[in-house]
């Protein structure tokens, strides 16, 4: 499932769990037409949840999304740090008239996680072997730049393992997911219509239902506003 489908599946779970608290109001004897429609919609919703892998799989899918976001943040942090290290090394090379320093601090165009992790550790090794820690600290880096880099590399490497574990728990045939999402959405719409009518004067139930069935939106990346140099 993609992130949008995952958000809908999470909403299906919440909707099913909340409507379970309302079951006592739909058990008339003999059953009313509303009772039958309510029960039928819940059954359809439960079927959609089961087809998507069940409660545990959907929750695991949410874990996958969280791990993906965490890994993205770690990747950006280490990319920024490597660029700063590269810039500082360039400054040190110029200050000491020793351009050969830069041979140990080159960046690469391909920045896969594996390469980022390897490069961070290589930079850390170079800082130690060239005894440049004090120089980096004097340029605004931490008191132990090499260790900081290795820590970042370890965190990114660890996040890959957690993401893989979460991904492994995701289930559901890709071809059936769109139709299942449509079926579940239709069931939720039926439940919404019934609940809004039956509990028309019960603000608490209506508010709780809207919260439970609401489909959360994935946050969008905010593009930085380009700075404009004032014209004198």
Foldseek 3Di string as FASTA:
>chain_A
DDPLLLLQLQLLVLLLVLVVVVLVVQPDVVGDPLSVLLVVLSVLSQVLCVQQPHDVQSVLVVVLVVLVVVLVVLLVVLVVLLVVLLVLQVVVCVVVVNVVLNVQRDDDPDRDLVVSLVNLQSSLVSCVVVVCQVSVVVVPDDNRSSVVSNVSSVVSVVSVVSSVVSVVSGDHDPVCSVVSSVSNVVSLVSNLVSCCVVCVPPVVSNVSSCVSNDRDDDDDDDDDDDDDDDDD
